[in-house]
Amino acid sequence: MRGLRIGIGNPLRRDDGVAAVALHRIPADDNWRSLELIQLTPEVAAEFTGFDRVVFVDADAGEGCGVLLEAITEAGSEPLTHHSTPAAVVALARCLYGFSGIAEICRIPAEDFGYGEGLSARAEAMAEEAARLLSRS
């Protein structure tokens, strides 16, 4: 199985950059490719070609107590704009590029989205947890 991990977030907005940090902590694996984006756009759907599994990795401002890995099951109803949801991009990849694989999202709890670099202590710990989870799955 070949997989694609897509880290979403702006490293200049503190914890918003947690996905990239988590991806960098995953040991190299020839079966996986990683892609880091500041913002998710419809064009990313073309990247799904040749992959059996796609995992979006993103900061989550919710009150969750741990990292969540969940299936993406259906597309949202929002129009395609310069910013898209993972569900909308998956739907586009299925429609235009024949993607038939597994699509998931890894949500990493985060709290500080202010201007600046570096992660909060909580996001730092959650990046480590996410890297462990993603390297096992």
N, C-alpha and C. Protein backbone atom coordinates (compact mmCIF):
# COMPACT_ATOMS: atom_id res chain seq x y z
N MET A 1 0.85 -1.18 0.00
CA MET A 1 0.00 0.00 0.00
C MET A 1 0.90 1.24 0.00
N ARG A 2 0.61 2.17 -0.90
CA ARG A 2 1.33 3.45 -0.95
C ARG A 2 0.47 4.54 -0.35
N GLY A 3 1.09 5.36 0.48
CA GLY A 3 0.33 6.40 1.16
C GLY A 3 0.90 7.78 0.98
N LEU A 4 0.02 8.76 1.12
CA LEU A 4 0.38 10.18 1.04
C LEU A 4 -0.10 10.86 2.30
N ARG A 5 0.81 11.51 3.01
CA ARG A 5 0.45 12.32 4.18
C ARG A 5 0.54 13.78 3.78
N ILE A 6 -0.54 14.51 4.04
CA ILE A 6 -0.59 15.93 3.68
C ILE A 6 -0.71 16.75 4.94
N GLY A 7 0.36 17.43 5.29
CA GLY A 7 0.37 18.31 6.46
C GLY A 7 -0.10 19.69 6.06
N ILE A 8 -1.08 20.21 6.80
CA ILE A 8 -1.68 21.51 6.49
C ILE A 8 -1.42 22.45 7.66
N GLY A 9 -0.94 23.66 7.36
CA GLY A 9 -0.78 24.65 8.42
C GLY A 9 0.34 25.63 8.16
N ASN A 10 0.24 26.77 8.78
CA ASN A 10 1.19 27.85 8.62
C ASN A 10 2.15 27.88 9.81
N PRO A 11 3.43 27.58 9.59
CA PRO A 11 4.38 27.56 10.71
C PRO A 11 4.66 28.95 11.30
N LEU A 12 4.19 30.00 10.64
CA LEU A 12 4.34 31.36 11.19
C LEU A 12 3.15 31.77 12.05
N ARG A 13 2.24 30.81 12.30
CA ARG A 13 1.10 31.03 13.19
C ARG A 13 1.14 30.00 14.32
N ARG A 14 2.31 29.88 14.91
CA ARG A 14 2.60 29.01 16.06
C ARG A 14 2.04 27.59 15.91
N ASP A 15 1.04 27.21 16.69
CA ASP A 15 0.55 25.82 16.68
C ASP A 15 -0.07 25.40 15.36
N ASP A 16 -0.40 26.34 14.50
CA ASP A 16 -0.95 25.98 13.19
C ASP A 16 0.07 25.17 12.39
N GLY A 17 1.34 25.27 12.72
CA GLY A 17 2.39 24.53 12.05
C GLY A 17 2.67 23.15 12.64
N VAL A 18 1.83 22.68 13.53
CA VAL A 18 2.08 21.40 14.21
C VAL A 18 2.10 20.21 13.25
N ALA A 19 1.35 20.26 12.17
CA ALA A 19 1.32 19.13 11.24
C ALA A 19 2.70 18.88 10.63
N ALA A 20 3.37 19.93 10.21
CA ALA A 20 4.71 19.78 9.62
C ALA A 20 5.68 19.22 10.64
N VAL A 21 5.59 19.68 11.87
CA VAL A 21 6.47 19.17 12.93
C VAL A 21 6.23 17.67 13.11
N ALA A 22 4.97 17.27 13.16
CA ALA A 22 4.65 15.85 13.33
C ALA A 22 5.18 15.03 12.16
N LEU A 23 5.00 15.51 10.94
CA LEU A 23 5.47 14.77 9.76
C LEU A 23 6.98 14.58 9.78
N HIS A 24 7.71 15.60 10.24
CA HIS A 24 9.17 15.51 10.28
C HIS A 24 9.65 14.50 11.33
N ARG A 25 8.81 14.16 12.26
CA ARG A 25 9.19 13.20 13.32
C ARG A 25 8.87 11.75 12.96
N ILE A 26 8.24 11.52 11.84
CA ILE A 26 7.90 10.15 11.41
C ILE A 26 9.11 9.57 10.68
N PRO A 27 9.54 8.37 11.07
CA PRO A 27 10.68 7.76 10.37
C PRO A 27 10.40 7.59 8.88
N ALA A 28 11.44 7.72 8.08
CA ALA A 28 11.31 7.56 6.62
C ALA A 28 10.78 6.17 6.28
N ASP A 29 9.93 6.13 5.27
CA ASP A 29 9.31 4.88 4.82
C ASP A 29 9.08 5.02 3.32
N ASP A 30 9.63 4.10 2.54
CA ASP A 30 9.52 4.17 1.09
C ASP A 30 8.08 4.07 0.58
N ASN A 31 7.18 3.58 1.41
CA ASN A 31 5.78 3.44 1.00
C ASN A 31 4.96 4.70 1.23
N TRP A 32 5.56 5.70 1.86
CA TRP A 32 4.84 6.94 2.17
C TRP A 32 5.55 8.14 1.61
N ARG A 33 4.77 9.09 1.14
CA ARG A 33 5.27 10.40 0.70
C ARG A 33 4.60 11.46 1.57
N SER A 34 5.31 12.49 1.91
CA SER A 34 4.74 13.59 2.69
C SER A 34 4.74 14.86 1.87
N LEU A 35 3.70 15.65 2.07
CA LEU A 35 3.52 16.92 1.39
C LEU A 35 3.10 17.93 2.45
N GLU A 36 3.75 19.08 2.48
CA GLU A 36 3.41 20.12 3.45
C GLU A 36 2.82 21.33 2.72
N LEU A 37 1.67 21.78 3.20
CA LEU A 37 0.97 22.91 2.59
C LEU A 37 0.60 23.92 3.66
N ILE A 38 0.63 25.18 3.31
CA ILE A 38 0.13 26.20 4.23
C ILE A 38 -1.39 26.21 4.21
N GLN A 39 -1.94 25.94 3.06
CA GLN A 39 -3.40 25.96 2.89
C GLN A 39 -3.79 24.86 1.90
N LEU A 40 -4.90 24.23 2.15
CA LEU A 40 -5.39 23.16 1.29
C LEU A 40 -6.20 23.78 0.14
N THR A 41 -5.83 23.43 -1.08
CA THR A 41 -6.52 23.95 -2.27
C THR A 41 -6.96 22.78 -3.16
N PRO A 42 -7.90 23.01 -4.06
CA PRO A 42 -8.40 21.94 -4.93
C PRO A 42 -7.33 21.25 -5.77
N GLU A 43 -6.28 21.97 -6.12
CA GLU A 43 -5.22 21.41 -6.98
C GLU A 43 -4.54 20.19 -6.36
N VAL A 44 -4.61 20.06 -5.05
CA VAL A 44 -3.97 18.95 -4.36
C VAL A 44 -4.59 17.61 -4.76
N ALA A 45 -5.82 17.62 -5.22
CA ALA A 45 -6.49 16.37 -5.63
C ALA A 45 -5.68 15.61 -6.67
N ALA A 46 -4.97 16.30 -7.52
CA ALA A 46 -4.17 15.65 -8.56
C ALA A 46 -3.02 14.83 -7.97
N GLU A 47 -2.59 15.18 -6.76
CA GLU A 47 -1.49 14.48 -6.09
C GLU A 47 -1.87 13.08 -5.63
N PHE A 48 -3.16 12.76 -5.57
CA PHE A 48 -3.62 11.47 -5.05
C PHE A 48 -3.32 10.31 -5.99
N THR A 49 -3.04 10.61 -7.25
CA THR A 49 -2.80 9.57 -8.26
C THR A 49 -1.69 8.64 -7.81
N GLY A 50 -1.97 7.35 -7.84
CA GLY A 50 -0.98 6.34 -7.49
C GLY A 50 -0.92 5.97 -6.02
N PHE A 51 -1.77 6.59 -5.22
CA PHE A 51 -1.77 6.29 -3.79
C PHE A 51 -3.03 5.53 -3.39
N ASP A 52 -2.87 4.63 -2.43
CA ASP A 52 -3.98 3.82 -1.91
C ASP A 52 -4.60 4.44 -0.66
N ARG A 53 -3.85 5.32 -0.04
CA ARG A 53 -4.30 5.93 1.21
C ARG A 53 -3.78 7.36 1.30
N VAL A 54 -4.65 8.26 1.74
CA VAL A 54 -4.26 9.65 1.94
C VAL A 54 -4.66 10.04 3.35
N VAL A 55 -3.72 10.63 4.08
CA VAL A 55 -3.99 11.09 5.44
C VAL A 55 -3.67 12.58 5.51
N PHE A 56 -4.70 13.38 5.78
CA PHE A 56 -4.50 14.81 6.02
C PHE A 56 -4.12 14.96 7.49
N VAL A 57 -3.17 15.84 7.77
CA VAL A 57 -2.73 16.10 9.14
C VAL A 57 -2.90 17.59 9.37
N ASP A 58 -3.63 17.95 10.44
CA ASP A 58 -3.94 19.36 10.65
C ASP A 58 -4.11 19.67 12.13
N ALA A 59 -3.85 20.91 12.49
CA ALA A 59 -4.09 21.39 13.85
C ALA A 59 -5.59 21.48 14.09
N ASP A 60 -6.00 21.20 15.32
CA ASP A 60 -7.40 21.26 15.69
C ASP A 60 -7.55 22.14 16.92
N ALA A 61 -8.29 23.22 16.77
CA ALA A 61 -8.48 24.16 17.88
C ALA A 61 -9.55 23.70 18.85
N GLY A 62 -10.11 22.53 18.66
CA GLY A 62 -11.15 22.01 19.55
C GLY A 62 -10.60 21.66 20.92
N GLU A 63 -11.47 21.20 21.76
CA GLU A 63 -11.10 20.88 23.13
C GLU A 63 -10.67 19.43 23.31
N GLY A 64 -10.34 18.74 22.22
CA GLY A 64 -9.95 17.34 22.30
C GLY A 64 -8.77 17.12 23.23
N CYS A 65 -8.73 15.97 23.84
CA CYS A 65 -7.66 15.69 24.78
C CYS A 65 -6.53 14.88 24.15
N GLY A 66 -6.68 14.48 22.90
CA GLY A 66 -5.64 13.70 22.25
C GLY A 66 -5.77 13.76 20.74
N VAL A 67 -4.80 13.16 20.08
CA VAL A 67 -4.78 13.12 18.63
C VAL A 67 -5.85 12.15 18.13
N LEU A 68 -6.59 12.56 17.11
CA LEU A 68 -7.63 11.73 16.52
C LEU A 68 -7.28 11.40 15.08
N LEU A 69 -7.48 10.14 14.71
CA LEU A 69 -7.35 9.72 13.32
C LEU A 69 -8.69 9.14 12.92
N GLU A 70 -9.36 9.80 11.98
CA GLU A 70 -10.70 9.37 11.60
C GLU A 70 -10.88 9.36 10.09
N ALA A 71 -11.80 8.53 9.65
CA ALA A 71 -12.09 8.41 8.21
C ALA A 71 -12.81 9.65 7.70
N ILE A 72 -12.53 10.00 6.46
CA ILE A 72 -13.27 11.05 5.77
C ILE A 72 -14.30 10.31 4.93
N THR A 73 -15.56 10.53 5.24
CA THR A 73 -16.59 9.72 4.60
C THR A 73 -17.38 10.42 3.51
N GLU A 74 -17.63 11.71 3.64
CA GLU A 74 -18.39 12.39 2.60
C GLU A 74 -17.94 13.82 2.43
N ALA A 75 -18.16 14.35 1.25
CA ALA A 75 -17.74 15.71 0.95
C ALA A 75 -18.67 16.73 1.55
N GLY A 76 -18.10 17.87 1.91
CA GLY A 76 -18.91 18.98 2.36
C GLY A 76 -19.60 19.63 1.18
N SER A 77 -20.49 20.54 1.45
CA SER A 77 -21.25 21.16 0.38
C SER A 77 -20.71 22.52 -0.03
N GLU A 78 -19.53 22.89 0.48
CA GLU A 78 -18.99 24.20 0.17
C GLU A 78 -18.49 24.25 -1.27
N PRO A 79 -18.55 25.41 -1.89
CA PRO A 79 -18.03 25.54 -3.27
C PRO A 79 -16.51 25.45 -3.26
N LEU A 80 -15.94 25.11 -4.40
CA LEU A 80 -14.48 25.08 -4.50
C LEU A 80 -13.97 26.51 -4.58
N THR A 81 -13.13 26.86 -3.63
CA THR A 81 -12.56 28.20 -3.57
C THR A 81 -11.06 28.05 -3.38
N HIS A 82 -10.39 29.13 -3.00
CA HIS A 82 -8.96 29.07 -2.77
C HIS A 82 -8.62 28.27 -1.52
N HIS A 83 -9.58 27.96 -0.70
CA HIS A 83 -9.38 27.15 0.50
C HIS A 83 -10.44 26.06 0.52
N SER A 84 -10.02 24.82 0.63
CA SER A 84 -10.95 23.70 0.58
C SER A 84 -10.83 22.84 1.83
N THR A 85 -11.83 22.03 2.09
CA THR A 85 -11.77 21.07 3.19
C THR A 85 -11.19 19.76 2.67
N PRO A 86 -10.64 18.95 3.56
CA PRO A 86 -10.16 17.64 3.12
C PRO A 86 -11.25 16.83 2.42
N ALA A 87 -12.47 16.84 2.94
CA ALA A 87 -13.56 16.08 2.32
C ALA A 87 -13.83 16.53 0.89
N ALA A 88 -13.78 17.83 0.64
CA ALA A 88 -14.03 18.34 -0.71
C ALA A 88 -12.90 17.93 -1.66
N VAL A 89 -11.67 17.95 -1.19
CA VAL A 89 -10.54 17.57 -2.03
C VAL A 89 -10.59 16.07 -2.34
N VAL A 90 -10.98 15.26 -1.35
CA VAL A 90 -11.12 13.82 -1.59
C VAL A 90 -12.21 13.58 -2.64
N ALA A 91 -13.33 14.26 -2.52
CA ALA A 91 -14.42 14.09 -3.49
C ALA A 91 -13.94 14.47 -4.89
N LEU A 92 -13.18 15.52 -4.99
CA LEU A 92 -12.64 15.96 -6.28
C LEU A 92 -11.67 14.91 -6.85
N ALA A 93 -10.81 14.37 -5.99
CA ALA A 93 -9.86 13.35 -6.43
C ALA A 93 -10.59 12.09 -6.91
N ARG A 94 -11.68 11.74 -6.24
CA ARG A 94 -12.46 10.57 -6.66
C ARG A 94 -13.12 10.82 -8.02
N CYS A 95 -13.67 12.00 -8.18
CA CYS A 95 -14.40 12.35 -9.40
C CYS A 95 -13.47 12.55 -10.60
N LEU A 96 -12.42 13.33 -10.44
CA LEU A 96 -11.56 13.70 -11.57
C LEU A 96 -10.41 12.74 -11.83
N TYR A 97 -9.89 12.10 -10.77
CA TYR A 97 -8.67 11.32 -10.94
C TYR A 97 -8.85 9.84 -10.59
N GLY A 98 -10.08 9.44 -10.27
CA GLY A 98 -10.35 8.03 -10.01
C GLY A 98 -9.78 7.50 -8.71
N PHE A 99 -9.50 8.39 -7.77
CA PHE A 99 -8.98 7.93 -6.47
C PHE A 99 -10.02 7.03 -5.81
N SER A 100 -9.61 5.85 -5.41
CA SER A 100 -10.55 4.91 -4.77
C SER A 100 -10.02 4.41 -3.44
N GLY A 101 -9.00 5.06 -2.94
CA GLY A 101 -8.36 4.60 -1.71
C GLY A 101 -9.03 5.11 -0.44
N ILE A 102 -8.33 4.87 0.64
CA ILE A 102 -8.76 5.28 1.97
C ILE A 102 -8.36 6.74 2.18
N ALA A 103 -9.25 7.53 2.76
CA ALA A 103 -8.94 8.93 3.09
C ALA A 103 -9.24 9.15 4.56
N GLU A 104 -8.28 9.73 5.27
CA GLU A 104 -8.42 9.97 6.70
C GLU A 104 -7.90 11.36 7.05
N ILE A 105 -8.27 11.80 8.24
CA ILE A 105 -7.72 13.05 8.76
C ILE A 105 -7.21 12.80 10.17
N CYS A 106 -6.01 13.31 10.42
CA CYS A 106 -5.40 13.25 11.74
C CYS A 106 -5.50 14.66 12.32
N ARG A 107 -6.28 14.78 13.39
CA ARG A 107 -6.48 16.08 14.04
C ARG A 107 -5.59 16.16 15.27
N ILE A 108 -4.76 17.20 15.30
CA ILE A 108 -3.81 17.38 16.39
C ILE A 108 -4.26 18.56 17.25
N PRO A 109 -4.57 18.33 18.53
CA PRO A 109 -5.00 19.43 19.40
C PRO A 109 -3.94 20.53 19.47
N ALA A 110 -4.40 21.77 19.37
CA ALA A 110 -3.52 22.93 19.41
C ALA A 110 -4.27 24.08 20.07
N GLU A 111 -3.53 25.08 20.56
CA GLU A 111 -4.19 26.16 21.29
C GLU A 111 -3.72 27.57 20.96
N ASP A 112 -2.51 27.71 20.45
CA ASP A 112 -1.96 29.05 20.20
C ASP A 112 -1.78 29.26 18.70
N PHE A 113 -2.64 30.10 18.12
CA PHE A 113 -2.58 30.38 16.68
C PHE A 113 -2.14 31.82 16.41
N GLY A 114 -1.46 32.41 17.38
CA GLY A 114 -0.97 33.78 17.23
C GLY A 114 0.22 33.84 16.28
N TYR A 115 0.64 35.05 15.96
CA TYR A 115 1.79 35.23 15.08
C TYR A 115 3.07 34.82 15.79
N GLY A 116 3.94 34.15 15.07
CA GLY A 116 5.22 33.73 15.62
C GLY A 116 5.53 32.30 15.26
N GLU A 117 6.74 31.90 15.58
CA GLU A 117 7.18 30.54 15.28
C GLU A 117 7.26 29.74 16.57
N GLY A 118 7.27 28.42 16.43
CA GLY A 118 7.39 27.54 17.58
C GLY A 118 6.02 27.11 18.09
N LEU A 119 6.01 25.96 18.73
CA LEU A 119 4.76 25.38 19.22
C LEU A 119 4.59 25.61 20.72
N SER A 120 3.35 25.63 21.15
CA SER A 120 3.07 25.65 22.58
C SER A 120 3.49 24.29 23.15
N ALA A 121 3.61 24.20 24.46
CA ALA A 121 4.00 22.94 25.09
C ALA A 121 3.00 21.84 24.76
N ARG A 122 1.72 22.18 24.75
CA ARG A 122 0.69 21.18 24.45
C ARG A 122 0.83 20.68 23.01
N ALA A 123 0.98 21.59 22.05
CA ALA A 123 1.11 21.19 20.64
C ALA A 123 2.38 20.38 20.42
N GLU A 124 3.44 20.72 21.13
CA GLU A 124 4.69 19.97 21.03
C GLU A 124 4.47 18.51 21.44
N ALA A 125 3.79 18.31 22.56
CA ALA A 125 3.50 16.94 23.03
C ALA A 125 2.56 16.22 22.06
N MET A 126 1.59 16.94 21.52
CA MET A 126 0.64 16.32 20.60
C MET A 126 1.29 15.98 19.26
N ALA A 127 2.31 16.76 18.84
CA ALA A 127 3.04 16.46 17.61
C ALA A 127 3.75 15.11 17.76
N GLU A 128 4.31 14.89 18.93
CA GLU A 128 4.99 13.62 19.20
C GLU A 128 3.99 12.47 19.19
N GLU A 129 2.84 12.67 19.80
CA GLU A 129 1.79 11.65 19.81
C GLU A 129 1.30 11.35 18.39
N ALA A 130 1.12 12.39 17.59
CA ALA A 130 0.67 12.22 16.21
C ALA A 130 1.70 11.44 15.40
N ALA A 131 2.97 11.77 15.58
CA ALA A 131 4.03 11.06 14.83
C ALA A 131 4.03 9.57 15.18
N ARG A 132 3.86 9.26 16.45
CA ARG A 132 3.79 7.85 16.85
C ARG A 132 2.59 7.15 16.21
N LEU A 133 1.44 7.81 16.28
CA LEU A 133 0.21 7.23 15.71
C LEU A 133 0.36 7.02 14.21
N LEU A 134 0.85 8.02 13.50
CA LEU A 134 0.94 7.93 12.04
C LEU A 134 2.02 6.95 11.59
N SER A 135 3.05 6.77 12.36
CA SER A 135 4.08 5.81 11.97
C SER A 135 3.62 4.37 12.17
N ARG A 136 2.63 4.16 13.03
CA ARG A 136 2.09 2.81 13.26
C ARG A 136 0.97 2.46 12.29
N SER A 137 0.31 3.47 11.74
CA SER A 137 -0.85 3.20 10.90
C SER A 137 -0.54 3.19 9.43
